[in-house]
Amino acid sequence: MAASHPDQGWSLLCNGVLIFEDTGELLPDGRVVAPRRPVTVAA
């Protein structure tokens, strides 16, 4: 890991990928991987 900022909700990996606390990602080529949030079912 190149940089970690849990207080801000993100980490920078050594391959240039930004990973966000909500599981989203920003790839070095500018593509975005949408957050993968769990689906909750109301009772």
PDB file of N, CA and C in Angstrom:
ATOM      1  N   MET A   1       0.850  -1.163   0.000  1.00  0.00           N
ATOM      2  CA  MET A   1       0.000   0.000   0.000  1.00  0.00           C
ATOM      3  C   MET A   1       0.902   1.233   0.000  1.00  0.00           C
ATOM      4  N   ALA A   2       0.647   2.148  -0.891  1.00  0.00           N
ATOM      5  CA  ALA A   2       1.474   3.338  -1.010  1.00  0.00           C
ATOM      6  C   ALA A   2       1.069   4.421  -0.011  1.00  0.00           C
ATOM      7  N   ALA A   3      -0.230   4.556   0.233  1.00  0.00           N
ATOM      8  CA  ALA A   3      -0.715   5.557   1.182  1.00  0.00           C
ATOM      9  C   ALA A   3      -2.053   5.098   1.732  1.00  0.00           C
ATOM     10  N   SER A   4      -2.258   5.345   3.015  1.00  0.00           N
ATOM     11  CA  SER A   4      -3.519   4.971   3.641  1.00  0.00           C
ATOM     12  C   SER A   4      -4.064   6.162   4.407  1.00  0.00           C
ATOM     13  N   HIS A   5      -5.299   6.504   4.161  1.00  0.00           N
ATOM     14  CA  HIS A   5      -5.950   7.617   4.854  1.00  0.00           C
ATOM     15  C   HIS A   5      -7.338   7.179   5.323  1.00  0.00           C
ATOM     16  N   PRO A   6      -7.392   6.260   6.317  1.00  0.00           N
ATOM     17  CA  PRO A   6      -8.685   5.761   6.784  1.00  0.00           C
ATOM     18  C   PRO A   6      -9.573   6.872   7.341  1.00  0.00           C
ATOM     19  N   ASP A   7      -8.952   7.930   7.860  1.00  0.00           N
ATOM     20  CA  ASP A   7      -9.731   9.057   8.366  1.00  0.00           C
ATOM     21  C   ASP A   7     -10.487   9.773   7.245  1.00  0.00           C
ATOM     22  N   GLN A   8      -9.993   9.653   6.013  1.00  0.00           N
ATOM     23  CA  GLN A   8     -10.649  10.262   4.855  1.00  0.00           C
ATOM     24  C   GLN A   8     -11.406   9.237   4.024  1.00  0.00           C
ATOM     25  N   GLY A   9     -11.265   7.940   4.346  1.00  0.00           N
ATOM     26  CA  GLY A   9     -12.022   6.898   3.670  1.00  0.00           C
ATOM     27  C   GLY A   9     -11.410   6.363   2.388  1.00  0.00           C
ATOM     28  N   TRP A  10     -10.078   6.486   2.212  1.00  0.00           N
ATOM     29  CA  TRP A  10      -9.473   5.968   0.991  1.00  0.00           C
ATOM     30  C   TRP A  10      -8.047   5.495   1.242  1.00  0.00           C
ATOM     31  N   SER A  11      -7.568   4.646   0.317  1.00  0.00           N
ATOM     32  CA  SER A  11      -6.190   4.166   0.322  1.00  0.00           C
ATOM     33  C   SER A  11      -5.681   4.138  -1.109  1.00  0.00           C
ATOM     34  N   LEU A  12      -4.407   4.428  -1.288  1.00  0.00           N
ATOM     35  CA  LEU A  12      -3.757   4.385  -2.595  1.00  0.00           C
ATOM     36  C   LEU A  12      -2.836   3.183  -2.624  1.00  0.00           C
ATOM     37  N   LEU A  13      -3.067   2.275  -3.578  1.00  0.00           N
ATOM     38  CA  LEU A  13      -2.213   1.101  -3.717  1.00  0.00           C
ATOM     39  C   LEU A  13      -0.993   1.433  -4.556  1.00  0.00           C
ATOM     40  N   CYS A  14       0.040   0.606  -4.481  1.00  0.00           N
ATOM     41  CA  CYS A  14       1.276   0.865  -5.215  1.00  0.00           C
ATOM     42  C   CYS A  14       1.095   0.763  -6.728  1.00  0.00           C
ATOM     43  N   ASN A  15      -0.008   0.155  -7.203  1.00  0.00           N
ATOM     44  CA  ASN A  15      -0.261   0.073  -8.640  1.00  0.00           C
ATOM     45  C   ASN A  15      -1.101   1.240  -9.153  1.00  0.00           C
ATOM     46  N   GLY A  16      -1.340   2.254  -8.290  1.00  0.00           N
ATOM     47  CA  GLY A  16      -2.053   3.453  -8.712  1.00  0.00           C
ATOM     48  C   GLY A  16      -3.559   3.397  -8.533  1.00  0.00           C
ATOM     49  N   VAL A  17      -4.081   2.315  -7.975  1.00  0.00           N
ATOM     50  CA  VAL A  17      -5.528   2.183  -7.764  1.00  0.00           C
ATOM     51  C   VAL A  17      -5.903   2.865  -6.451  1.00  0.00           C
ATOM     52  N   LEU A  18      -6.933   3.705  -6.502  1.00  0.00           N
ATOM     53  CA  LEU A  18      -7.493   4.298  -5.289  1.00  0.00           C
ATOM     54  C   LEU A  18      -8.659   3.436  -4.849  1.00  0.00           C
ATOM     55  N   ILE A  19      -8.641   2.987  -3.608  1.00  0.00           N
ATOM     56  CA  ILE A  19      -9.729   2.175  -3.057  1.00  0.00           C
ATOM     57  C   ILE A  19     -10.420   3.010  -1.989  1.00  0.00           C
ATOM     58  N   PHE A  20     -11.750   3.064  -2.085  1.00  0.00           N
ATOM     59  CA  PHE A  20     -12.533   3.855  -1.149  1.00  0.00           C
ATOM     60  C   PHE A  20     -13.206   2.969  -0.113  1.00  0.00           C
ATOM     61  N   GLU A  21     -13.490   3.539   1.046  1.00  0.00           N
ATOM     62  CA  GLU A  21     -14.092   2.819   2.160  1.00  0.00           C
ATOM     63  C   GLU A  21     -15.399   2.132   1.772  1.00  0.00           C
ATOM     64  N   ASP A  22     -16.142   2.706   0.827  1.00  0.00           N
ATOM     65  CA  ASP A  22     -17.419   2.114   0.420  1.00  0.00           C
ATOM     66  C   ASP A  22     -17.240   1.024  -0.634  1.00  0.00           C
ATOM     67  N   THR A  23     -16.016   0.571  -0.854  1.00  0.00           N
ATOM     68  CA  THR A  23     -15.598  -0.480  -1.791  1.00  0.00           C
ATOM     69  C   THR A  23     -15.516  -0.020  -3.236  1.00  0.00           C
ATOM     70  N   GLY A  24     -15.724   1.244  -3.526  1.00  0.00           N
ATOM     71  CA  GLY A  24     -15.535   1.746  -4.878  1.00  0.00           C
ATOM     72  C   GLY A  24     -14.051   1.868  -5.198  1.00  0.00           C
ATOM     73  N   GLU A  25     -13.727   1.932  -6.483  1.00  0.00           N
ATOM     74  CA  GLU A  25     -12.326   2.054  -6.894  1.00  0.00           C
ATOM     75  C   GLU A  25     -12.206   3.031  -8.051  1.00  0.00           C
ATOM     76  N   LEU A  26     -11.071   3.715  -8.120  1.00  0.00           N
ATOM     77  CA  LEU A  26     -10.714   4.566  -9.250  1.00  0.00           C
ATOM     78  C   LEU A  26      -9.422   4.007  -9.811  1.00  0.00           C
ATOM     79  N   LEU A  27      -9.478   3.499 -11.056  1.00  0.00           N
ATOM     80  CA  LEU A  27      -8.324   2.859 -11.673  1.00  0.00           C
ATOM     81  C   LEU A  27      -7.407   3.897 -12.306  1.00  0.00           C
ATOM     82  N   PRO A  28      -6.113   3.565 -12.483  1.00  0.00           N
ATOM     83  CA  PRO A  28      -5.155   4.523 -13.039  1.00  0.00           C
ATOM     84  C   PRO A  28      -5.549   5.074 -14.412  1.00  0.00           C
ATOM     85  N   ASP A  29      -6.312   4.303 -15.200  1.00  0.00           N
ATOM     86  CA  ASP A  29      -6.707   4.792 -16.527  1.00  0.00           C
ATOM     87  C   ASP A  29      -7.978   5.643 -16.485  1.00  0.00           C
ATOM     88  N   GLY A  30      -8.479   5.923 -15.278  1.00  0.00           N
ATOM     89  CA  GLY A  30      -9.646   6.793 -15.133  1.00  0.00           C
ATOM     90  C   GLY A  30     -10.977   6.065 -15.033  1.00  0.00           C
ATOM     91  N   ARG A  31     -10.968   4.734 -15.244  1.00  0.00           N
ATOM     92  CA  ARG A  31     -12.220   3.981 -15.126  1.00  0.00           C
ATOM     93  C   ARG A  31     -12.625   3.901 -13.655  1.00  0.00           C
ATOM     94  N   VAL A  32     -13.941   3.818 -13.438  1.00  0.00           N
ATOM     95  CA  VAL A  32     -14.486   3.755 -12.086  1.00  0.00           C
ATOM     96  C   VAL A  32     -15.135   2.400 -11.869  1.00  0.00           C
ATOM     97  N   VAL A  33     -14.852   1.797 -10.723  1.00  0.00           N
ATOM     98  CA  VAL A  33     -15.536   0.573 -10.299  1.00  0.00           C
ATOM     99  C   VAL A  33     -16.529   1.017  -9.231  1.00  0.00           C
ATOM    100  N   ALA A  34     -17.808   0.833  -9.508  1.00  0.00           N
ATOM    101  CA  ALA A  34     -18.852   1.294  -8.598  1.00  0.00           C
ATOM    102  C   ALA A  34     -18.787   0.546  -7.266  1.00  0.00           C
ATOM    103  N   PRO A  35     -19.201   1.200  -6.188  1.00  0.00           N
ATOM    104  CA  PRO A  35     -19.236   0.538  -4.881  1.00  0.00           C
ATOM    105  C   PRO A  35     -20.124  -0.696  -4.915  1.00  0.00           C
ATOM    106  N   ARG A  36     -19.710  -1.707  -4.178  1.00  0.00           N
ATOM    107  CA  ARG A  36     -20.472  -2.944  -4.071  1.00  0.00           C
ATOM    108  C   ARG A  36     -21.039  -3.023  -2.664  1.00  0.00           C
ATOM    109  N   ARG A  37     -22.151  -2.349  -2.479  1.00  0.00           N
ATOM    110  CA  ARG A  37     -22.768  -2.321  -1.156  1.00  0.00           C
ATOM    111  C   ARG A  37     -23.687  -3.522  -0.990  1.00  0.00           C
ATOM    112  N   PRO A  38     -23.724  -4.082   0.223  1.00  0.00           N
ATOM    113  CA  PRO A  38     -24.627  -5.225   0.443  1.00  0.00           C
ATOM    114  C   PRO A  38     -26.086  -4.792   0.357  1.00  0.00           C
ATOM    115  N   VAL A  39     -26.903  -5.701  -0.138  1.00  0.00           N
ATOM    116  CA  VAL A  39     -28.339  -5.431  -0.248  1.00  0.00           C
ATOM    117  C   VAL A  39     -28.986  -5.805   1.068  1.00  0.00           C
ATOM    118  N   THR A  40     -29.736  -4.876   1.645  1.00  0.00           N
ATOM    119  CA  THR A  40     -30.432  -5.161   2.893  1.00  0.00           C
ATOM    120  C   THR A  40     -31.916  -5.348   2.616  1.00  0.00           C
ATOM    121  N   VAL A  41     -32.484  -6.288   3.328  1.00  0.00           N
ATOM    122  CA  VAL A  41     -33.907  -6.590   3.153  1.00  0.00           C
ATOM    123  C   VAL A  41     -34.634  -6.152   4.419  1.00  0.00           C
ATOM    124  N   ALA A  42     -35.653  -5.319   4.254  1.00  0.00           N
ATOM    125  CA  ALA A  42     -36.425  -4.863   5.413  1.00  0.00           C
ATOM    126  C   ALA A  42     -37.332  -5.986   5.897  1.00  0.00           C
ATOM    127  N   ALA A  43     -37.415  -6.129   7.196  1.00  0.00           N
ATOM    128  CA  ALA A  43     -38.255  -7.207   7.770  1.00  0.00           C
ATOM    129  C   ALA A  43     -39.688  -6.768   7.922  1.00  0.00           C
TER     130      ALA A  43
END
